[in-house]
Amino acid sequence: MNNILSVRLENFQSHLDSLIEFDKGLNVLVGQSDSGKTAIIRAIRWVLFNQPRGTDFIRVGANFARVTIVFENNVTIIRERTSSKNRYMIKESEKEDLILEGFGIHVPKEVVEAHGMLPLRVDRDHELNLHLSQQLDGPFLLEQTGSIRAKTIGRISGAHYLDMAIRDTSKDLSQLNQRLKHGEEEVEKLKEKLLPYEKLDEAKAKIDQTESNITSIKKNQQLLKSLKQIKRHKEQITYESTEMKQILNTVQSLSIWEEKVDSISHSLARLRDLSRKRKYLQEMHEIKKVCVHWIQITSSLGEMETIYINSKESLAKHRYFSAKRTEYTKAIQEKSQLKNQLKRTDFLKENPYQQITHMMEILGRWKQLSTLYKNEKKLNETKTIWKQTLQQLRNAEAVEHYTKQIDYDLSKWRNYQLLKEKRDELRQGLHVGTQFIKQQKSHLQILEETYEQILLSKGHCPVCGGEIQTEKVEALLSGKRGN
């Protein structure tokens, strides 16, 4: 425990700033009533034990309260309280100041360790403060009940440890007596339960003998089982060797058959190739006939070209003669007009020379008109020939259309040939696949028969270990073959 050297109160109740220093030994505070004596004790209790709580002790008109306590071990504890702040400050020589905030209603552990003034706990419900007392508290322990005084004296003298030891020892003895009694009862019960097992050693000897007999029987059974397995394995090897001999006898001439199969396959491939070429040749003959037919039809294209050129010349002549015919028509009209004029000019017959000259002119014009008329007939004949030529040219255009159609059909035929070749290849692959499937099915059938023989030879199911009947195996395998 540390002794207090001094206490300083700032804005604590009636104290504005008071410093009280204590001497060693007894210290007495003397003063008038309400002069602040109790406030000093209350300030010390507030710092050491956080009593009282709240902010009612702050001086009226001040915004904080601070109490500083200095102990003889050079430790200073400062408690400060404002409307929003509540903290401790611990100062020690050659150490950094320790500030504590947010500690609630309990005094921080560091503060208690610094001053070392702990209360004496009498029991669960009572504590006694040995260092400070209130103003109206009576002498030590006199105001307490007899039991509290006895407990307090026991605590101070250490007698409570003896009471605790006696109480715990009595409790342990009671528990041990109960456990001993319970153990004796258990022993009696176990003895009664062991009475039927007095002859257990003889039964154990018999059991050991029986176990040894069972072990020898199991060994013999395993030996018998292994011998049976060896026998079955020998039978299976004998059966497999017989089958292998038969297979070897069957495949002795396998190389000859392979050569024959290769030869037949080569011949079949060559036959397919020749058949394909023969069909192609026949189709080419058919196409050749069609082409020859169209060549014959279009053989007169050169003559038609000549006729076309002549027709162009005739057309030019026709146009020329049409112009002449127009002139001829105009001349006839002029002739009629001249006749009318001659009728009107009969009075000119008195000058025959002029009339003869005029008649010669008219005769010359008539000859020209006759020539034009003949040329018109020839032109009509040429026009007819030209129409025929045009008709033939239209036929030539049809021939060209047919030629394009033939080229299109030829391209379609070539595509058809390619598709046909692909179809033949697919058929060949399908045939090979079918043969492979047949071989696999025959191989599976052989494996099923071998499996049937193995099951029948073993006589028991390899999965469940049950006995196998011949009728069930045949029905099962026949069902699988059907599927």
Protein backbone atom coordinates (compact mmCIF):
# COMPACT_ATOMS: atom_id res chain seq x y z
CA MET A 1 0.00 0.00 0.00
CA ASN A 2 1.21 3.50 -0.88
CA ASN A 3 0.82 6.54 1.35
CA ILE A 4 -0.67 9.73 -0.11
CA LEU A 5 1.66 12.71 -0.04
CA SER A 6 -0.67 15.39 -1.46
CA VAL A 7 -4.08 15.97 -3.06
CA ARG A 8 -4.97 18.85 -5.35
CA LEU A 9 -8.65 19.70 -6.10
CA GLU A 10 -9.57 21.91 -9.05
CA ASN A 11 -13.21 22.95 -9.53
CA PHE A 12 -14.35 20.05 -7.34
CA GLN A 13 -17.51 21.01 -5.40
CA SER A 14 -16.59 24.07 -3.27
CA HIS A 15 -12.84 23.89 -4.01
CA LEU A 16 -11.63 26.22 -6.77
CA ASP A 17 -7.99 25.16 -6.55
CA SER A 18 -6.94 23.53 -3.26
CA LEU A 19 -3.69 21.69 -2.41
CA ILE A 20 -3.58 19.50 0.72
CA GLU A 21 -0.26 17.91 1.78
CA PHE A 22 -0.09 15.06 4.31
CA ASP A 23 2.57 14.06 6.83
CA LYS A 24 3.56 10.62 7.94
CA GLY A 25 1.32 9.28 10.67
CA LEU A 26 -2.05 10.71 11.67
CA ASN A 27 -3.48 13.66 9.75
CA VAL A 28 -6.61 15.56 10.95
CA LEU A 29 -8.81 17.83 8.78
CA VAL A 30 -10.42 20.57 10.84
CA GLY A 31 -12.83 23.24 9.67
CA GLN A 32 -16.32 24.69 9.85
CA SER A 33 -19.33 22.93 8.44
CA ASP A 34 -19.66 23.05 4.63
CA SER A 35 -16.09 24.21 4.35
CA GLY A 36 -15.07 21.30 2.05
CA LYS A 37 -13.64 18.69 4.45
CA THR A 38 -15.87 15.87 3.15
CA ALA A 39 -15.21 17.00 -0.46
CA ILE A 40 -11.53 16.13 0.05
CA ILE A 41 -12.41 12.55 1.12
CA ARG A 42 -14.97 12.37 -1.70
CA ALA A 43 -12.34 13.56 -4.25
CA ILE A 44 -9.89 10.87 -3.08
CA ARG A 45 -12.59 8.19 -3.33
CA TRP A 46 -13.56 9.53 -6.80
CA VAL A 47 -9.98 9.06 -8.04
CA LEU A 48 -9.25 5.74 -6.36
CA PHE A 49 -12.64 3.94 -6.56
CA ASN A 50 -14.73 5.98 -9.10
CA GLN A 51 -17.20 7.03 -6.41
CA PRO A 52 -19.34 9.07 -6.75
CA ARG A 53 -20.27 8.79 -10.45
CA GLY A 54 -21.69 11.46 -12.70
CA THR A 55 -20.83 15.19 -13.05
CA ASP A 56 -22.70 16.74 -10.10
CA PHE A 57 -19.44 17.41 -8.22
CA ILE A 58 -18.15 19.90 -10.87
CA ARG A 59 -18.02 23.39 -9.38
CA VAL A 60 -20.87 25.69 -10.39
CA GLY A 61 -19.81 27.90 -13.31
CA ALA A 62 -16.83 25.65 -14.24
CA ASN A 63 -16.65 23.34 -17.25
CA PHE A 64 -14.27 20.76 -15.77
CA ALA A 65 -13.11 19.14 -12.54
CA ARG A 66 -9.63 17.75 -11.88
CA VAL A 67 -8.13 15.90 -8.89
CA THR A 68 -4.40 15.10 -8.64
CA ILE A 69 -3.03 12.61 -6.06
CA VAL A 70 0.70 12.17 -5.47
CA PHE A 71 1.94 9.00 -3.74
CA GLU A 72 5.18 8.39 -1.86
CA ASN A 73 6.47 6.03 -4.59
CA ASN A 74 6.65 9.00 -7.05
CA VAL A 75 3.45 7.97 -8.82
CA THR A 76 0.92 10.68 -9.69
CA ILE A 77 -2.69 9.89 -10.65
CA ILE A 78 -4.79 12.64 -12.24
CA ARG A 79 -8.54 12.29 -12.78
CA GLU A 80 -10.24 14.82 -15.07
CA ARG A 81 -13.90 15.14 -15.99
CA THR A 82 -15.77 17.48 -18.38
CA SER A 83 -19.21 17.33 -19.95
CA SER A 84 -17.75 15.24 -22.82
CA LYS A 85 -14.47 13.85 -21.45
CA ASN A 86 -13.67 11.37 -18.67
CA ARG A 87 -10.07 10.21 -18.36
CA TYR A 88 -7.19 9.16 -16.08
CA MET A 89 -3.54 10.14 -16.42
CA ILE A 90 -0.76 8.19 -14.67
CA LYS A 91 2.67 9.82 -14.34
CA GLU A 92 5.76 7.93 -13.19
CA SER A 93 9.38 8.96 -13.16
CA GLU A 94 11.43 7.88 -16.19
CA LYS A 95 8.24 6.63 -17.89
CA GLU A 96 5.94 8.01 -20.52
CA ASP A 97 2.60 9.39 -19.31
CA LEU A 98 -0.28 6.91 -19.58
CA ILE A 99 -3.72 8.31 -20.56
CA LEU A 100 -6.81 6.12 -20.11
CA GLU A 101 -10.26 6.91 -21.55
CA GLY A 102 -13.50 5.03 -22.24
CA PHE A 103 -13.28 2.77 -19.16
CA GLY A 104 -16.99 2.83 -18.13
CA ILE A 105 -17.98 2.43 -14.46
CA HIS A 106 -14.98 0.33 -13.41
CA VAL A 107 -11.62 1.74 -12.43
CA PRO A 108 -8.94 0.81 -14.97
CA LYS A 109 -6.60 -1.99 -13.96
CA GLU A 110 -3.54 0.28 -14.47
CA VAL A 111 -4.91 2.79 -11.93
CA VAL A 112 -5.57 0.08 -9.31
CA GLU A 113 -2.06 -1.32 -9.80
CA ALA A 114 -0.60 2.18 -9.48
CA HIS A 115 -2.14 3.02 -6.05
CA GLY A 116 -2.52 -0.59 -4.70
CA MET A 117 -5.50 0.26 -2.40
CA LEU A 118 -7.79 -2.72 -3.01
CA PRO A 119 -11.00 -3.31 -1.01
CA LEU A 120 -11.31 -6.40 1.22
CA ARG A 121 -13.94 -8.82 -0.09
CA VAL A 122 -15.62 -10.53 2.87
CA ASP A 123 -18.01 -12.66 0.84
CA ARG A 124 -19.98 -12.45 -2.37
CA ASP A 125 -22.18 -9.57 -1.17
CA HIS A 126 -19.88 -7.57 1.17
CA GLU A 127 -16.71 -5.53 0.64
CA LEU A 128 -14.86 -3.37 3.20
CA ASN A 129 -12.67 -0.39 2.37
CA LEU A 130 -9.73 -0.51 4.76
CA HIS A 131 -8.07 2.73 3.55
CA LEU A 132 -10.91 5.29 3.51
CA SER A 133 -14.22 5.69 5.33
CA GLN A 134 -17.17 8.03 5.07
CA GLN A 135 -17.80 10.98 7.35
CA LEU A 136 -20.45 9.28 9.49
CA ASP A 137 -18.97 5.75 9.44
CA GLY A 138 -18.55 4.12 12.90
CA PRO A 139 -15.38 2.53 14.25
CA PHE A 140 -13.97 -0.35 12.26
CA LEU A 141 -16.29 -3.45 12.29
CA LEU A 142 -18.34 -2.21 15.27
CA GLU A 143 -21.36 -1.33 13.16
CA GLN A 144 -21.21 -4.71 11.29
CA THR A 145 -23.02 -7.90 12.34
CA GLY A 146 -21.27 -10.67 14.23
CA SER A 147 -20.98 -12.94 11.20
CA ILE A 148 -19.47 -10.15 9.08
CA ARG A 149 -16.99 -9.32 11.87
CA ALA A 150 -16.01 -13.01 12.16
CA LYS A 151 -15.58 -13.33 8.40
CA THR A 152 -13.58 -10.11 8.26
CA ILE A 153 -11.25 -11.18 11.08
CA GLY A 154 -10.90 -14.59 9.42
CA ARG A 155 -10.04 -12.92 6.13
CA ILE A 156 -7.51 -10.62 7.75
CA SER A 157 -5.88 -13.42 9.78
CA GLY A 158 -6.09 -16.03 7.01
CA ALA A 159 -8.38 -18.36 9.02
CA HIS A 160 -10.77 -18.56 6.07
CA TYR A 161 -8.20 -20.73 4.28
CA LEU A 162 -8.48 -23.28 7.15
CA ASP A 163 -12.27 -23.16 6.98
CA MET A 164 -12.14 -23.70 3.24
CA ALA A 165 -9.68 -26.58 3.63
CA ILE A 166 -11.84 -28.24 6.34
CA ARG A 167 -14.97 -27.78 4.25
CA ASP A 168 -13.33 -29.20 1.12
CA THR A 169 -11.80 -32.09 3.08
CA SER A 170 -15.17 -33.02 4.62
CA LYS A 171 -16.76 -32.85 1.20
CA ASP A 172 -14.02 -35.06 -0.28
CA LEU A 173 -14.32 -37.58 2.58
CA SER A 174 -18.06 -37.78 2.09
CA GLN A 175 -17.63 -38.35 -1.63
CA LEU A 176 -14.95 -40.99 -1.03
CA ASN A 177 -17.17 -42.84 1.47
CA GLN A 178 -20.02 -42.81 -1.04
CA ARG A 179 -17.74 -44.02 -3.82
CA LEU A 180 -16.32 -46.76 -1.55
CA LYS A 181 -19.77 -47.94 -0.61
CA HIS A 182 -20.88 -47.86 -4.25
CA GLY A 183 -17.73 -49.81 -5.25
CA GLU A 184 -18.37 -52.51 -2.65
CA GLU A 185 -21.93 -52.87 -3.92
CA GLU A 186 -20.61 -53.15 -7.51
CA VAL A 187 -18.13 -55.83 -6.42
CA GLU A 188 -20.91 -57.89 -4.82
CA LYS A 189 -23.04 -57.58 -7.93
CA LEU A 190 -20.14 -58.59 -10.17
CA LYS A 191 -19.41 -61.63 -7.99
CA GLU A 192 -23.04 -62.71 -8.36
CA LYS A 193 -22.84 -62.22 -12.11
CA LEU A 194 -19.60 -64.24 -12.34
CA LEU A 195 -21.11 -67.33 -10.68
CA PRO A 196 -22.53 -68.70 -14.00
CA TYR A 197 -19.03 -68.33 -15.54
CA GLU A 198 -17.06 -70.52 -13.10
CA LYS A 199 -16.59 -73.20 -15.76
CA LEU A 200 -15.48 -70.63 -18.32
CA ASP A 201 -11.91 -72.04 -18.53
CA GLU A 202 -13.17 -75.46 -19.55
CA ALA A 203 -15.50 -73.89 -22.13
CA LYS A 204 -12.61 -71.78 -23.41
CA ALA A 205 -10.43 -74.88 -23.85
CA LYS A 206 -13.24 -76.57 -25.79
CA ILE A 207 -13.74 -73.43 -27.90
CA ASP A 208 -10.01 -73.27 -28.62
CA GLN A 209 -10.06 -76.91 -29.70
CA THR A 210 -13.12 -76.27 -31.89
CA GLU A 211 -11.46 -73.21 -33.44
CA SER A 212 -8.35 -75.24 -34.26
CA ASN A 213 -10.57 -77.92 -35.84
CA ILE A 214 -12.44 -75.25 -37.84
CA THR A 215 -9.11 -73.78 -38.97
CA SER A 216 -7.87 -77.16 -40.18
CA ILE A 217 -11.21 -77.77 -41.94
CA LYS A 218 -10.98 -74.36 -43.67
CA LYS A 219 -7.44 -75.14 -44.77
CA ASN A 220 -8.62 -78.47 -46.20
CA GLN A 221 -11.52 -76.72 -47.94
CA GLN A 222 -9.18 -74.17 -49.45
CA LEU A 223 -6.87 -76.95 -50.58
CA LEU A 224 -9.83 -78.79 -52.13
CA LYS A 225 -11.00 -75.60 -53.82
CA SER A 226 -7.53 -74.93 -55.23
CA LEU A 227 -7.34 -78.54 -56.50
CA LYS A 228 -10.72 -78.14 -58.18
CA GLN A 229 -9.56 -74.90 -59.78
CA ILE A 230 -6.40 -76.63 -61.00
CA LYS A 231 -8.52 -79.43 -62.45
CA ARG A 232 -10.82 -76.97 -64.23
CA HIS A 233 -7.85 -75.03 -65.50
CA LYS A 234 -6.35 -78.26 -66.84
CA GLU A 235 -9.62 -79.17 -68.56
CA GLN A 236 -9.86 -75.68 -70.05
CA ILE A 237 -6.26 -75.88 -71.31
CA THR A 238 -6.99 -79.32 -72.84
CA TYR A 239 -10.13 -77.92 -74.52
CA GLU A 240 -8.29 -74.85 -75.78
CA SER A 241 -5.40 -76.95 -77.11
CA THR A 242 -7.89 -79.14 -79.03
CA GLU A 243 -9.53 -76.04 -80.48
CA MET A 244 -6.17 -74.57 -81.42
CA LYS A 245 -5.21 -77.79 -83.23
CA GLN A 246 -8.47 -77.64 -85.18
CA ILE A 247 -7.89 -73.99 -86.02
CA LEU A 248 -4.32 -74.75 -87.13
CA ASN A 249 -5.55 -77.57 -89.36
CA THR A 250 -8.15 -75.20 -90.81
CA VAL A 251 -5.75 -72.33 -91.53
CA GLN A 252 -2.88 -74.36 -93.02
CA SER A 253 -3.94 -73.32 -96.54
CA LEU A 254 -4.71 -69.75 -95.46
CA SER A 255 -1.94 -68.20 -97.58
CA ILE A 256 -3.34 -69.85 -100.75
CA TRP A 257 -6.81 -68.57 -99.95
CA GLU A 258 -5.45 -65.10 -99.28
CA GLU A 259 -3.73 -65.08 -102.68
CA LYS A 260 -6.95 -66.21 -104.34
CA VAL A 261 -8.98 -63.57 -102.48
CA ASP A 262 -6.49 -60.86 -103.56
CA SER A 263 -6.67 -62.11 -107.17
CA ILE A 264 -10.48 -62.14 -107.11
CA SER A 265 -10.57 -58.66 -105.54
CA HIS A 266 -8.22 -57.35 -108.23
CA SER A 267 -10.33 -58.96 -110.95
CA LEU A 268 -13.52 -57.52 -109.49
CA ALA A 269 -11.98 -54.05 -109.35
CA ARG A 270 -10.84 -54.38 -112.97
CA LEU A 271 -14.30 -55.66 -113.99
CA ARG A 272 -15.96 -52.68 -112.30
CA ASP A 273 -13.52 -50.33 -114.05
CA LEU A 274 -14.21 -51.93 -117.44
CA SER A 275 -17.97 -51.87 -116.87
CA ARG A 276 -17.77 -48.18 -115.98
CA LYS A 277 -15.71 -47.46 -119.08
CA ARG A 278 -18.12 -49.49 -121.26
CA LYS A 279 -21.12 -47.50 -120.00
CA TYR A 280 -19.16 -44.30 -120.56
CA LEU A 281 -18.33 -45.41 -124.15
CA GLN A 282 -21.98 -46.23 -124.86
CA GLU A 283 -23.07 -42.86 -123.59
CA MET A 284 -20.37 -41.18 -125.70
CA HIS A 285 -21.73 -43.03 -128.79
CA GLU A 286 -25.20 -41.73 -128.04
CA ILE A 287 -23.88 -38.19 -127.61
CA LYS A 288 -21.87 -38.58 -130.83
CA LYS A 289 -25.03 -39.54 -132.77
CA VAL A 290 -26.82 -36.47 -131.47
CA CYS A 291 -23.86 -34.25 -132.36
CA VAL A 292 -23.61 -35.75 -135.88
CA HIS A 293 -27.32 -35.18 -136.36
CA TRP A 294 -26.98 -31.53 -135.40
CA ILE A 295 -23.84 -31.16 -137.51
CA GLN A 296 -25.79 -32.49 -140.52
CA ILE A 297 -28.61 -30.10 -139.78
CA THR A 298 -26.21 -27.18 -139.57
CA SER A 299 -24.01 -28.21 -142.54
CA SER A 300 -25.67 -25.62 -144.81
CA LEU A 301 -24.69 -22.72 -142.59
CA GLY A 302 -22.02 -21.65 -145.16
CA GLU A 303 -24.59 -21.56 -147.96
CA MET A 304 -26.93 -19.66 -145.68
CA GLU A 305 -24.19 -17.15 -145.07
CA THR A 306 -23.78 -16.71 -148.86
CA ILE A 307 -27.52 -16.40 -149.21
CA TYR A 308 -27.53 -13.87 -146.42
CA ILE A 309 -24.88 -11.76 -148.18
CA ASN A 310 -26.81 -12.01 -151.50
CA SER A 311 -29.95 -11.12 -149.60
CA LYS A 312 -28.29 -8.01 -148.27
CA GLU A 313 -27.29 -7.07 -151.83
CA SER A 314 -30.82 -7.86 -153.05
CA LEU A 315 -32.22 -5.78 -150.24
CA ALA A 316 -30.06 -2.87 -151.36
CA LYS A 317 -31.26 -3.37 -154.89
CA HIS A 318 -34.81 -3.63 -153.63
CA ARG A 319 -34.44 -0.34 -151.86
CA TYR A 320 -32.93 1.14 -155.05
CA PHE A 321 -35.73 -0.20 -157.20
CA SER A 322 -38.32 0.89 -154.68
CA ALA A 323 -36.99 4.40 -155.14
CA LYS A 324 -37.12 3.95 -158.92
CA ARG A 325 -40.68 2.61 -158.65
CA THR A 326 -41.59 5.72 -156.77
CA GLU A 327 -40.08 7.75 -159.55
CA TYR A 328 -41.97 5.59 -162.06
CA THR A 329 -45.22 6.26 -160.25
CA LYS A 330 -44.47 9.92 -160.34
CA ALA A 331 -43.67 9.63 -164.06
CA ILE A 332 -47.05 7.94 -164.74
CA GLN A 333 -48.73 10.69 -162.83
CA GLU A 334 -46.81 13.21 -164.86
CA LYS A 335 -47.80 11.28 -168.02
CA SER A 336 -51.47 11.50 -167.13
CA GLN A 337 -51.01 15.10 -166.35
CA LEU A 338 -49.27 15.52 -169.71
CA LYS A 339 -52.14 13.74 -171.47
CA ASN A 340 -54.52 16.07 -169.86
CA GLN A 341 -52.35 18.92 -170.85
CA LEU A 342 -52.11 17.54 -174.45
CA LYS A 343 -55.84 17.34 -174.62
CA ARG A 344 -55.90 20.88 -173.51
CA THR A 345 -53.14 21.73 -176.02
CA ASP A 346 -54.57 20.16 -179.18
CA PHE A 347 -54.28 23.56 -180.74
CA LEU A 348 -50.50 22.94 -180.86
CA LYS A 349 -50.81 20.27 -183.61
CA GLU A 350 -50.00 22.89 -186.06
CA ASN A 351 -46.28 22.50 -185.01
CA PRO A 352 -45.55 18.78 -185.65
CA TYR A 353 -41.84 19.04 -185.01
CA GLN A 354 -42.40 20.03 -181.49
CA GLN A 355 -45.03 17.31 -181.12
CA ILE A 356 -42.63 14.64 -182.39
CA THR A 357 -39.93 15.83 -180.05
CA HIS A 358 -42.37 15.69 -177.18
CA MET A 359 -43.50 12.20 -178.15
CA MET A 360 -39.89 11.01 -178.27
CA GLU A 361 -39.40 12.27 -174.78
CA ILE A 362 -42.55 10.49 -173.64
CA LEU A 363 -41.39 7.26 -175.36
CA GLY A 364 -38.04 7.48 -173.61
CA ARG A 365 -39.78 7.89 -170.31
CA TRP A 366 -42.06 4.94 -171.10
CA LYS A 367 -39.02 2.76 -171.82
CA GLN A 368 -37.53 3.79 -168.53
CA LEU A 369 -40.79 2.93 -166.81
CA SER A 370 -40.88 -0.50 -168.52
CA THR A 371 -37.36 -1.16 -167.33
CA LEU A 372 -38.35 -0.10 -163.84
CA TYR A 373 -41.35 -2.45 -163.99
CA LYS A 374 -39.13 -5.40 -164.96
CA ASN A 375 -36.67 -4.48 -162.23
CA GLU A 376 -39.61 -4.40 -159.80
CA LYS A 377 -40.50 -8.01 -160.71
CA LYS A 378 -36.91 -9.10 -160.20
CA LEU A 379 -36.90 -7.22 -156.92
CA ASN A 380 -40.05 -9.05 -155.76
CA GLU A 381 -38.41 -12.37 -156.65
CA THR A 382 -35.29 -11.31 -154.70
CA LYS A 383 -37.53 -10.28 -151.81
CA THR A 384 -39.08 -13.75 -151.74
CA ILE A 385 -35.63 -15.35 -151.72
CA TRP A 386 -34.57 -12.99 -148.95
CA LYS A 387 -37.62 -13.95 -146.86
CA GLN A 388 -36.69 -17.62 -147.29
CA THR A 389 -33.13 -16.79 -146.26
CA LEU A 390 -34.38 -14.99 -143.15
CA GLN A 391 -36.48 -18.03 -142.29
CA GLN A 392 -33.38 -20.23 -142.63
CA LEU A 393 -31.45 -17.81 -140.44
CA ARG A 394 -34.13 -18.14 -137.78
CA ASN A 395 -33.64 -21.91 -138.00
CA ALA A 396 -29.89 -21.31 -137.52
CA GLU A 397 -30.67 -19.42 -134.31
CA ALA A 398 -32.70 -22.42 -133.17
CA VAL A 399 -29.70 -24.64 -134.01
CA GLU A 400 -27.51 -22.41 -131.83
CA HIS A 401 -30.06 -22.70 -129.01
CA TYR A 402 -30.05 -26.48 -129.38
CA THR A 403 -26.23 -26.45 -129.33
CA LYS A 404 -26.24 -24.55 -126.03
CA GLN A 405 -28.80 -27.00 -124.67
CA ILE A 406 -26.56 -29.90 -125.74
CA ASP A 407 -23.56 -28.31 -123.95
CA TYR A 408 -25.66 -27.90 -120.80
CA ASP A 409 -26.82 -31.53 -121.05
CA LEU A 410 -23.21 -32.66 -121.51
CA SER A 411 -22.14 -30.81 -118.34
CA LYS A 412 -25.06 -32.37 -116.46
CA TRP A 413 -24.06 -35.78 -117.81
CA ARG A 414 -20.46 -35.29 -116.60
CA ASN A 415 -21.77 -34.32 -113.12
CA TYR A 416 -23.97 -37.37 -113.23
CA GLN A 417 -20.95 -39.53 -114.06
CA LEU A 418 -19.05 -38.07 -111.08
CA LEU A 419 -22.01 -38.72 -108.77
CA LYS A 420 -22.30 -42.23 -110.16
CA GLU A 421 -18.63 -42.90 -109.44
CA LYS A 422 -19.11 -41.62 -105.88
CA ARG A 423 -22.17 -43.83 -105.54
CA ASP A 424 -20.15 -46.85 -106.69
CA GLU A 425 -17.43 -46.00 -104.16
CA LEU A 426 -20.04 -45.69 -101.39
CA ARG A 427 -21.59 -48.99 -102.42
CA GLN A 428 -18.19 -50.61 -102.32
CA GLY A 429 -17.51 -49.14 -98.86
CA LEU A 430 -20.96 -50.30 -97.72
CA HIS A 431 -20.24 -53.77 -99.03
CA VAL A 432 -16.90 -53.85 -97.17
CA GLY A 433 -18.64 -52.60 -93.99
CA THR A 434 -21.34 -55.25 -94.33
CA GLN A 435 -18.72 -57.97 -94.72
CA PHE A 436 -16.89 -56.62 -91.65
CA ILE A 437 -20.12 -56.65 -89.61
CA LYS A 438 -20.82 -60.24 -90.69
CA GLN A 439 -17.30 -61.26 -89.66
CA GLN A 440 -17.72 -59.54 -86.28
CA LYS A 441 -21.09 -61.21 -85.73
CA SER A 442 -19.61 -64.62 -86.51
CA HIS A 443 -16.70 -63.82 -84.18
CA LEU A 444 -19.13 -62.77 -81.42
CA GLN A 445 -21.10 -65.97 -81.93
CA ILE A 446 -17.91 -67.99 -81.53
CA LEU A 447 -17.08 -66.02 -78.33
CA GLU A 448 -20.59 -66.65 -76.97
CA GLU A 449 -20.27 -70.37 -77.63
CA THR A 450 -16.85 -70.37 -75.93
CA TYR A 451 -18.33 -68.46 -72.98
CA GLU A 452 -21.16 -71.02 -72.80
CA GLN A 453 -18.67 -73.89 -72.72
CA ILE A 454 -16.64 -72.13 -69.99
CA LEU A 455 -19.76 -71.54 -67.85
CA LEU A 456 -20.86 -75.15 -68.30
CA SER A 457 -17.38 -76.43 -67.48
CA LYS A 458 -17.14 -74.27 -64.32
CA GLY A 459 -20.64 -75.20 -63.11
CA HIS A 460 -21.15 -72.04 -61.02
CA CYS A 461 -21.82 -68.35 -61.66
CA PRO A 462 -18.68 -66.16 -61.35
CA VAL A 463 -20.80 -63.26 -59.97
CA CYS A 464 -23.16 -64.77 -57.39
CA GLY A 465 -21.44 -68.18 -56.97
CA GLY A 466 -24.69 -70.11 -57.59
CA GLU A 467 -24.94 -73.36 -59.49
CA ILE A 468 -25.49 -73.04 -63.25
CA GLN A 469 -27.98 -75.27 -65.06
CA THR A 470 -27.43 -76.17 -68.71
CA GLU A 471 -31.01 -75.27 -69.75
CA LYS A 472 -30.79 -71.78 -68.19
CA VAL A 473 -27.45 -71.04 -69.86
CA GLU A 474 -28.73 -72.12 -73.28
CA ALA A 475 -31.94 -70.08 -72.86
CA LEU A 476 -29.93 -67.02 -71.77
CA LEU A 477 -27.47 -67.25 -74.68
CA SER A 478 -30.21 -67.98 -77.22
CA GLY A 479 -32.01 -64.81 -76.01
CA LYS A 480 -28.83 -62.78 -76.48
CA ARG A 481 -28.33 -64.19 -79.99
CA GLY A 482 -31.91 -63.31 -80.86
CA ASN A 483 -31.35 -59.75 -79.72
